[in-house]
Structure formats: C-alpha cells, structure tokens
PDB file of N, CA and C in Angstrom:
ATOM      1  N   UNK A   1      10.829  11.179 -39.800  1.00  0.00           N
ATOM      2  CA  UNK A   1      10.947  11.029 -38.376  1.00  0.00           C
ATOM      3  C   UNK A   1      10.685  12.372 -37.698  1.00  0.00           C
ATOM      4  N   UNK A   2       9.926  12.318 -36.633  1.00  0.00           N
ATOM      5  CA  UNK A   2       9.611  13.489 -35.827  1.00  0.00           C
ATOM      6  C   UNK A   2      10.078  13.225 -34.408  1.00  0.00           C
ATOM      7  N   UNK A   3      10.514  14.249 -33.718  1.00  0.00           N
ATOM      8  CA  UNK A   3      10.910  14.108 -32.317  1.00  0.00           C
ATOM      9  C   UNK A   3       9.819  14.677 -31.425  1.00  0.00           C
ATOM     10  N   UNK A   4       9.613  14.001 -30.300  1.00  0.00           N
ATOM     11  CA  UNK A   4       8.667  14.481 -29.298  1.00  0.00           C
ATOM     12  C   UNK A   4       9.148  15.842 -28.796  1.00  0.00           C
ATOM     13  N   UNK A   5       8.258  16.804 -28.755  1.00  0.00           N
ATOM     14  CA  UNK A   5       8.620  18.141 -28.302  1.00  0.00           C
ATOM     15  C   UNK A   5       8.617  18.256 -26.784  1.00  0.00           C
ATOM     16  N   UNK A   6       8.346  17.152 -26.103  1.00  0.00           N
ATOM     17  CA  UNK A   6       8.387  17.114 -24.646  1.00  0.00           C
ATOM     18  C   UNK A   6       9.664  16.451 -24.137  1.00  0.00           C
ATOM     19  N   UNK A   7      10.068  15.325 -24.783  1.00  0.00           N
ATOM     20  CA  UNK A   7      11.224  14.574 -24.280  1.00  0.00           C
ATOM     21  C   UNK A   7      12.302  14.295 -25.321  1.00  0.00           C
ATOM     22  N   UNK A   8      12.002  14.492 -26.600  1.00  0.00           N
ATOM     23  CA  UNK A   8      12.978  14.244 -27.651  1.00  0.00           C
ATOM     24  C   UNK A   8      12.928  12.850 -28.247  1.00  0.00           C
ATOM     25  N   UNK A   9      12.021  12.009 -27.785  1.00  0.00           N
ATOM     26  CA  UNK A   9      11.879  10.644 -28.299  1.00  0.00           C
ATOM     27  C   UNK A   9      11.599  10.677 -29.801  1.00  0.00           C
ATOM     28  N   UNK A  10      12.253   9.774 -30.549  1.00  0.00           N
ATOM     29  CA  UNK A  10      12.026   9.683 -31.994  1.00  0.00           C
ATOM     30  C   UNK A  10      10.686   9.006 -32.250  1.00  0.00           C
ATOM     31  N   UNK A  11       9.802   9.706 -32.929  1.00  0.00           N
ATOM     32  CA  UNK A  11       8.479   9.172 -33.245  1.00  0.00           C
ATOM     33  C   UNK A  11       8.455   8.814 -34.724  1.00  0.00           C
ATOM     34  N   UNK A  12       8.648   7.538 -35.012  1.00  0.00           N
ATOM     35  CA  UNK A  12       8.748   7.060 -36.388  1.00  0.00           C
ATOM     36  C   UNK A  12       7.426   6.567 -36.968  1.00  0.00           C
ATOM     37  N   UNK A  13       6.489   6.195 -36.105  1.00  0.00           N
ATOM     38  CA  UNK A  13       5.194   5.687 -36.560  1.00  0.00           C
ATOM     39  C   UNK A  13       4.084   6.446 -35.849  1.00  0.00           C
ATOM     40  N   UNK A  14       2.865   6.339 -36.351  1.00  0.00           N
ATOM     41  CA  UNK A  14       1.725   6.997 -35.707  1.00  0.00           C
ATOM     42  C   UNK A  14       1.572   6.502 -34.276  1.00  0.00           C
ATOM     43  N   UNK A  15       1.864   5.229 -34.022  1.00  0.00           N
ATOM     44  CA  UNK A  15       1.723   4.664 -32.682  1.00  0.00           C
ATOM     45  C   UNK A  15       2.701   5.277 -31.686  1.00  0.00           C
ATOM     46  N   UNK A  16       3.809   5.826 -32.165  1.00  0.00           N
ATOM     47  CA  UNK A  16       4.771   6.489 -31.275  1.00  0.00           C
ATOM     48  C   UNK A  16       4.227   7.826 -30.765  1.00  0.00           C
ATOM     49  N   UNK A  17       3.311   8.409 -31.532  1.00  0.00           N
ATOM     50  CA  UNK A  17       2.697   9.688 -31.152  1.00  0.00           C
ATOM     51  C   UNK A  17       1.560   9.430 -30.172  1.00  0.00           C
ATOM     52  N   UNK A  18       1.223  10.426 -29.389  1.00  0.00           N
ATOM     53  CA  UNK A  18       0.072  10.309 -28.480  1.00  0.00           C
ATOM     54  C   UNK A  18      -1.121  10.948 -29.136  1.00  0.00           C
ATOM     55  N   UNK A  19      -2.252  10.421 -29.068  1.00  0.00           N
ATOM     56  CA  UNK A  19      -2.662   9.033 -28.798  1.00  0.00           C
ATOM     57  C   UNK A  19      -2.757   8.250 -30.094  1.00  0.00           C
ATOM     58  N   UNK A  20      -1.651   7.990 -30.725  1.00  0.00           N
ATOM     59  CA  UNK A  20      -1.624   7.299 -32.013  1.00  0.00           C
ATOM     60  C   UNK A  20      -1.941   8.226 -33.167  1.00  0.00           C
ATOM     61  N   UNK A  21      -1.823   9.521 -32.918  1.00  0.00           N
ATOM     62  CA  UNK A  21      -2.128  10.559 -33.915  1.00  0.00           C
ATOM     63  C   UNK A  21      -0.816  11.135 -34.432  1.00  0.00           C
ATOM     64  N   UNK A  22      -0.503  10.886 -35.680  1.00  0.00           N
ATOM     65  CA  UNK A  22       0.772  11.323 -36.259  1.00  0.00           C
ATOM     66  C   UNK A  22       0.970  12.834 -36.217  1.00  0.00           C
ATOM     67  N   UNK A  23      -0.072  13.601 -35.898  1.00  0.00           N
ATOM     68  CA  UNK A  23       0.051  15.055 -35.814  1.00  0.00           C
ATOM     69  C   UNK A  23       0.333  15.546 -34.399  1.00  0.00           C
ATOM     70  N   UNK A  24       0.313  14.647 -33.424  1.00  0.00           N
ATOM     71  CA  UNK A  24       0.570  15.021 -32.035  1.00  0.00           C
ATOM     72  C   UNK A  24       2.017  15.472 -31.875  1.00  0.00           C
ATOM     73  N   UNK A  25       2.231  16.482 -31.057  1.00  0.00           N
ATOM     74  CA  UNK A  25       3.567  17.025 -30.839  1.00  0.00           C
ATOM     75  C   UNK A  25       4.335  16.275 -29.753  1.00  0.00           C
ATOM     76  N   UNK A  26       3.650  15.396 -29.016  1.00  0.00           N
ATOM     77  CA  UNK A  26       4.334  14.638 -27.965  1.00  0.00           C
ATOM     78  C   UNK A  26       4.110  13.146 -28.148  1.00  0.00           C
ATOM     79  N   UNK A  27       4.998  12.366 -27.541  1.00  0.00           N
ATOM     80  CA  UNK A  27       4.980  10.914 -27.723  1.00  0.00           C
ATOM     81  C   UNK A  27       4.062  10.217 -26.728  1.00  0.00           C
ATOM     82  N   UNK A  28       3.905   8.929 -26.954  1.00  0.00           N
ATOM     83  CA  UNK A  28       3.048   8.116 -26.090  1.00  0.00           C
ATOM     84  C   UNK A  28       3.593   8.026 -24.673  1.00  0.00           C
ATOM     85  N   UNK A  29       4.903   8.186 -24.485  1.00  0.00           N
ATOM     86  CA  UNK A  29       5.490   8.125 -23.148  1.00  0.00           C
ATOM     87  C   UNK A  29       5.247   9.395 -22.347  1.00  0.00           C
ATOM     88  N   UNK A  30       4.984  10.484 -23.009  1.00  0.00           N
ATOM     89  CA  UNK A  30       4.739  11.767 -22.348  1.00  0.00           C
ATOM     90  C   UNK A  30       3.257  12.062 -22.188  1.00  0.00           C
ATOM     91  N   UNK A  31       2.416  11.087 -22.509  1.00  0.00           N
ATOM     92  CA  UNK A  31       0.980  11.335 -22.471  1.00  0.00           C
ATOM     93  C   UNK A  31       0.293  10.586 -21.340  1.00  0.00           C
ATOM     94  N   UNK A  32      -0.840  11.121 -20.952  1.00  0.00           N
ATOM     95  CA  UNK A  32      -1.727  10.458 -20.002  1.00  0.00           C
ATOM     96  C   UNK A  32      -2.536   9.426 -20.790  1.00  0.00           C
ATOM     97  N   UNK A  33      -3.352   8.652 -20.102  1.00  0.00           N
ATOM     98  CA  UNK A  33      -4.154   7.609 -20.745  1.00  0.00           C
ATOM     99  C   UNK A  33      -5.060   8.163 -21.838  1.00  0.00           C
ATOM    100  N   UNK A  34      -5.513   9.406 -21.680  1.00  0.00           N
ATOM    101  CA  UNK A  34      -6.412   9.992 -22.682  1.00  0.00           C
ATOM    102  C   UNK A  34      -5.666  10.660 -23.836  1.00  0.00           C
ATOM    103  N   UNK A  35      -4.334  10.584 -23.827  1.00  0.00           N
ATOM    104  CA  UNK A  35      -3.531  11.146 -24.913  1.00  0.00           C
ATOM    105  C   UNK A  35      -3.053  12.560 -24.688  1.00  0.00           C
ATOM    106  N   UNK A  36      -3.526  13.219 -23.625  1.00  0.00           N
ATOM    107  CA  UNK A  36      -3.072  14.581 -23.347  1.00  0.00           C
ATOM    108  C   UNK A  36      -1.682  14.548 -22.712  1.00  0.00           C
ATOM    109  N   UNK A  37      -0.993  15.637 -22.828  1.00  0.00           N
ATOM    110  CA  UNK A  37       0.356  15.756 -22.283  1.00  0.00           C
ATOM    111  C   UNK A  37       0.330  15.667 -20.761  1.00  0.00           C
ATOM    112  N   UNK A  38       1.267  14.894 -20.196  1.00  0.00           N
ATOM    113  CA  UNK A  38       1.409  14.849 -18.741  1.00  0.00           C
ATOM    114  C   UNK A  38       1.726  16.247 -18.240  1.00  0.00           C
ATOM    115  N   UNK A  39       1.350  16.537 -16.996  1.00  0.00           N
ATOM    116  CA  UNK A  39       1.687  17.853 -16.459  1.00  0.00           C
ATOM    117  C   UNK A  39       3.188  17.915 -16.173  1.00  0.00           C
ATOM    118  N   UNK A  40       3.678  19.104 -15.963  1.00  0.00           N
ATOM    119  CA  UNK A  40       5.112  19.314 -15.810  1.00  0.00           C
ATOM    120  C   UNK A  40       5.710  18.459 -14.701  1.00  0.00           C
ATOM    121  N   UNK A  41       5.092  18.451 -13.530  1.00  0.00           N
ATOM    122  CA  UNK A  41       5.659  17.732 -12.392  1.00  0.00           C
ATOM    123  C   UNK A  41       5.800  16.238 -12.666  1.00  0.00           C
ATOM    124  N   UNK A  42       4.785  15.646 -13.296  1.00  0.00           N
ATOM    125  CA  UNK A  42       4.857  14.225 -13.616  1.00  0.00           C
ATOM    126  C   UNK A  42       5.942  13.955 -14.649  1.00  0.00           C
ATOM    127  N   UNK A  43       6.005  14.763 -15.690  1.00  0.00           N
ATOM    128  CA  UNK A  43       7.014  14.557 -16.736  1.00  0.00           C
ATOM    129  C   UNK A  43       8.407  14.766 -16.174  1.00  0.00           C
ATOM    130  N   UNK A  44       8.590  15.800 -15.348  1.00  0.00           N
ATOM    131  CA  UNK A  44       9.886  16.073 -14.734  1.00  0.00           C
ATOM    132  C   UNK A  44      10.339  14.875 -13.905  1.00  0.00           C
ATOM    133  N   UNK A  45       9.455  14.373 -13.045  1.00  0.00           N
ATOM    134  CA  UNK A  45       9.815  13.247 -12.177  1.00  0.00           C
ATOM    135  C   UNK A  45      10.149  12.002 -12.993  1.00  0.00           C
ATOM    136  N   UNK A  46       9.401  11.736 -14.025  1.00  0.00           N
ATOM    137  CA  UNK A  46       9.695  10.565 -14.860  1.00  0.00           C
ATOM    138  C   UNK A  46      11.049  10.700 -15.556  1.00  0.00           C
ATOM    139  N   UNK A  47      11.367  11.896 -15.988  1.00  0.00           N
ATOM    140  CA  UNK A  47      12.659  12.109 -16.645  1.00  0.00           C
ATOM    141  C   UNK A  47      13.806  12.022 -15.635  1.00  0.00           C
ATOM    142  N   UNK A  48      13.586  12.515 -14.419  1.00  0.00           N
ATOM    143  CA  UNK A  48      14.604  12.389 -13.368  1.00  0.00           C
ATOM    144  C   UNK A  48      14.829  10.914 -13.056  1.00  0.00           C
ATOM    145  N   UNK A  49      13.755  10.155 -12.900  1.00  0.00           N
ATOM    146  CA  UNK A  49      13.884   8.731 -12.604  1.00  0.00           C
ATOM    147  C   UNK A  49      14.632   7.996 -13.718  1.00  0.00           C
ATOM    148  N   UNK A  50      14.367   8.373 -14.962  1.00  0.00           N
ATOM    149  CA  UNK A  50      15.083   7.780 -16.086  1.00  0.00           C
ATOM    150  C   UNK A  50      16.581   8.070 -15.961  1.00  0.00           C
ATOM    151  N   UNK A  51      16.936   9.307 -15.619  1.00  0.00           N
ATOM    152  CA  UNK A  51      18.346   9.683 -15.456  1.00  0.00           C
ATOM    153  C   UNK A  51      19.002   8.920 -14.309  1.00  0.00           C
ATOM    154  N   UNK A  52      18.272   8.737 -13.228  1.00  0.00           N
ATOM    155  CA  UNK A  52      18.820   7.997 -12.089  1.00  0.00           C
ATOM    156  C   UNK A  52      19.124   6.552 -12.476  1.00  0.00           C
ATOM    157  N   UNK A  53      18.217   5.929 -13.211  1.00  0.00           N
ATOM    158  CA  UNK A  53      18.421   4.533 -13.637  1.00  0.00           C
ATOM    159  C   UNK A  53      19.486   4.427 -14.719  1.00  0.00           C
ATOM    160  N   UNK A  54      19.369   5.264 -15.712  1.00  0.00           N
ATOM    161  CA  UNK A  54      20.200   5.154 -16.916  1.00  0.00           C
ATOM    162  C   UNK A  54      21.639   5.612 -16.682  1.00  0.00           C
ATOM    163  N   UNK A  55      21.807   6.732 -15.994  1.00  0.00           N
ATOM    164  CA  UNK A  55      23.139   7.315 -15.851  1.00  0.00           C
ATOM    165  C   UNK A  55      23.734   7.121 -14.457  1.00  0.00           C
ATOM    166  N   UNK A  56      22.946   6.575 -13.529  1.00  0.00           N
ATOM    167  CA  UNK A  56      23.466   6.338 -12.185  1.00  0.00           C
ATOM    168  C   UNK A  56      23.844   7.613 -11.448  1.00  0.00           C
ATOM    169  N   UNK A  57      23.105   8.685 -11.692  1.00  0.00           N
ATOM    170  CA  UNK A  57      23.406   9.970 -11.068  1.00  0.00           C
ATOM    171  C   UNK A  57      22.806  10.076  -9.677  1.00  0.00           C
ATOM    172  N   UNK A  58      23.334  10.981  -8.884  1.00  0.00           N
ATOM    173  CA  UNK A  58      22.712  11.348  -7.613  1.00  0.00           C
ATOM    174  C   UNK A  58      21.471  12.181  -7.944  1.00  0.00           C
ATOM    175  N   UNK A  59      20.521  12.215  -7.026  1.00  0.00           N
ATOM    176  CA  UNK A  59      19.242  12.903  -7.268  1.00  0.00           C
ATOM    177  C   UNK A  59      19.443  14.367  -7.699  1.00  0.00           C
ATOM    178  N   UNK A  60      20.240  15.124  -6.991  1.00  0.00           N
ATOM    179  CA  UNK A  60      20.441  16.535  -7.319  1.00  0.00           C
ATOM    180  C   UNK A  60      20.995  16.746  -8.722  1.00  0.00           C
ATOM    181  N   UNK A  61      21.968  15.939  -9.090  1.00  0.00           N
ATOM    182  CA  UNK A  61      22.560  16.027 -10.435  1.00  0.00           C
ATOM    183  C   UNK A  61      21.534  15.647 -11.499  1.00  0.00           C
ATOM    184  N   UNK A  62      20.745  14.605 -11.229  1.00  0.00           N
ATOM    185  CA  UNK A  62      19.711  14.190 -12.177  1.00  0.00           C
ATOM    186  C   UNK A  62      18.682  15.295 -12.369  1.00  0.00           C
ATOM    187  N   UNK A  63      18.300  15.965 -11.303  1.00  0.00           N
ATOM    188  CA  UNK A  63      17.340  17.068 -11.407  1.00  0.00           C
ATOM    189  C   UNK A  63      17.912  18.223 -12.215  1.00  0.00           C
ATOM    190  N   UNK A  64      19.159  18.585 -11.956  1.00  0.00           N
ATOM    191  CA  UNK A  64      19.785  19.682 -12.697  1.00  0.00           C
ATOM    192  C   UNK A  64      19.898  19.363 -14.184  1.00  0.00           C
ATOM    193  N   UNK A  65      20.328  18.162 -14.504  1.00  0.00           N
ATOM    194  CA  UNK A  65      20.439  17.763 -15.914  1.00  0.00           C
ATOM    195  C   UNK A  65      19.069  17.728 -16.592  1.00  0.00           C
ATOM    196  N   UNK A  66      18.076  17.264 -15.858  1.00  0.00           N
ATOM    197  CA  UNK A  66      16.729  17.214 -16.413  1.00  0.00           C
ATOM    198  C   UNK A  66      16.210  18.621 -16.673  1.00  0.00           C
ATOM    199  N   UNK A  67      16.411  19.532 -15.738  1.00  0.00           N
ATOM    200  CA  UNK A  67      15.984  20.933 -15.953  1.00  0.00           C
ATOM    201  C   UNK A  67      16.675  21.520 -17.186  1.00  0.00           C
ATOM    202  N   UNK A  68      17.975  21.309 -17.298  1.00  0.00           N
ATOM    203  CA  UNK A  68      18.727  21.837 -18.437  1.00  0.00           C
ATOM    204  C   UNK A  68      18.198  21.252 -19.748  1.00  0.00           C
ATOM    205  N   UNK A  69      17.923  19.957 -19.754  1.00  0.00           N
ATOM    206  CA  UNK A  69      17.421  19.317 -20.969  1.00  0.00           C
ATOM    207  C   UNK A  69      16.020  19.816 -21.304  1.00  0.00           C
ATOM    208  N   UNK A  70      15.159  19.909 -20.309  1.00  0.00           N
ATOM    209  CA  UNK A  70      13.782  20.343 -20.559  1.00  0.00           C
ATOM    210  C   UNK A  70      13.730  21.778 -21.086  1.00  0.00           C
ATOM    211  N   UNK A  71      14.718  22.587 -20.722  1.00  0.00           N
ATOM    212  CA  UNK A  71      14.779  23.960 -21.253  1.00  0.00           C
ATOM    213  C   UNK A  71      14.984  23.970 -22.767  1.00  0.00           C
ATOM    214  N   UNK A  72      15.459  22.866 -23.327  1.00  0.00           N
ATOM    215  CA  UNK A  72      15.672  22.780 -24.778  1.00  0.00           C
ATOM    216  C   UNK A  72      14.462  22.213 -25.508  1.00  0.00           C
ATOM    217  N   UNK A  73      13.495  21.716 -24.784  1.00  0.00           N
ATOM    218  CA  UNK A  73      12.316  21.084 -25.381  1.00  0.00           C
ATOM    219  C   UNK A  73      11.220  22.121 -25.636  1.00  0.00           C
ATOM    220  N   UNK A  74      10.703  22.190 -26.861  1.00  0.00           N
ATOM    221  CA  UNK A  74       9.703  23.205 -27.214  1.00  0.00           C
ATOM    222  C   UNK A  74       8.482  23.260 -26.290  1.00  0.00           C
ATOM    223  N   UNK A  75       8.013  22.124 -25.801  1.00  0.00           N
ATOM    224  CA  UNK A  75       6.816  22.141 -24.960  1.00  0.00           C
ATOM    225  C   UNK A  75       7.079  22.582 -23.532  1.00  0.00           C
ATOM    226  N   UNK A  76       8.336  22.688 -23.110  1.00  0.00           N
ATOM    227  CA  UNK A  76       8.654  23.054 -21.727  1.00  0.00           C
ATOM    228  C   UNK A  76       9.552  24.278 -21.603  1.00  0.00           C
ATOM    229  N   UNK A  77      10.171  24.719 -22.669  1.00  0.00           N
ATOM    230  CA  UNK A  77      11.220  25.744 -22.573  1.00  0.00           C
ATOM    231  C   UNK A  77      10.799  27.017 -21.839  1.00  0.00           C
ATOM    232  N   UNK A  78       9.526  27.359 -21.869  1.00  0.00           N
ATOM    233  CA  UNK A  78       9.061  28.577 -21.201  1.00  0.00           C
ATOM    234  C   UNK A  78       8.333  28.300 -19.887  1.00  0.00           C
ATOM    235  N   UNK A  79       8.419  27.067 -19.403  1.00  0.00           N
ATOM    236  CA  UNK A  79       7.715  26.736 -18.154  1.00  0.00           C
ATOM    237  C   UNK A  79       8.360  27.478 -16.975  1.00  0.00           C
ATOM    238  N   UNK A  80       7.563  28.078 -16.104  1.00  0.00           N
ATOM    239  CA  UNK A  80       8.108  28.848 -14.973  1.00  0.00           C
ATOM    240  C   UNK A  80       9.042  28.055 -14.058  1.00  0.00           C
ATOM    241  N   UNK A  81       8.829  26.764 -13.918  1.00  0.00           N
ATOM    242  CA  UNK A  81       9.682  25.956 -13.052  1.00  0.00           C
ATOM    243  C   UNK A  81      11.098  25.817 -13.602  1.00  0.00           C
ATOM    244  N   UNK A  82      11.281  26.162 -14.861  1.00  0.00           N
ATOM    245  CA  UNK A  82      12.599  26.049 -15.485  1.00  0.00           C
ATOM    246  C   UNK A  82      13.305  27.388 -15.619  1.00  0.00           C
ATOM    247  N   UNK A  83      12.684  28.438 -15.111  1.00  0.00           N
ATOM    248  CA  UNK A  83      13.288  29.780 -15.206  1.00  0.00           C
ATOM    249  C   UNK A  83      14.616  29.792 -14.469  1.00  0.00           C
ATOM    250  N   UNK A  84      15.606  30.337 -15.129  1.00  0.00           N
ATOM    251  CA  UNK A  84      16.919  30.454 -14.503  1.00  0.00           C
ATOM    252  C   UNK A  84      16.985  31.788 -13.779  1.00  0.00           C
ATOM    253  N   UNK A  85      17.667  31.790 -12.683  1.00  0.00           N
ATOM    254  CA  UNK A  85      17.747  33.062 -12.006  1.00  0.00           C
ATOM    255  C   UNK A  85      18.269  32.972 -10.701  1.00  0.00           C
TER     256      UNK A  85
END
C-alpha cells in the first residue's frame, strides 16, 4: 500500500494512482484529467470542501485544518501558501 503524497489517500491498486500508473506519487483524486497533479489552489479548495462536508466545520476552521494537514504532505509541505509566519 502506498499513500498519496498530496492528500494521504491509500493507493492499493494501479487504478488508485494517477493516471493509473502505480509509480505516480499522487492519487486519481488529486489529478487533472490528463493525470497531472492539480494546482495548489484547486487541491486546497477541494480539501476544504471535504472538511466542510465531512466534519461540519466553519470555513475558517476548515481552511486552518487543511493548511496544517497539507504541511505534512510531501508534495505540498514547502509550498509558499503554507508558510507559517
């Protein structure tokens, strides 16, 4: 089992990887139609929306939790939008 380095999704089969390539570092949910990684803003918004639905959080709390989580993900940890300061 491999975890997506963008969102942490468990990738158990080649189809779970983007674009069906078992060597891809990100999952099918974090990819665009061509298999490339979604840009930061799109991935951030999708993860915030997931938090709003799943955990019933207010927008600000969902954004803060998403930023904190994305800082732990290898593909986003050094992104400038996540810089603390």
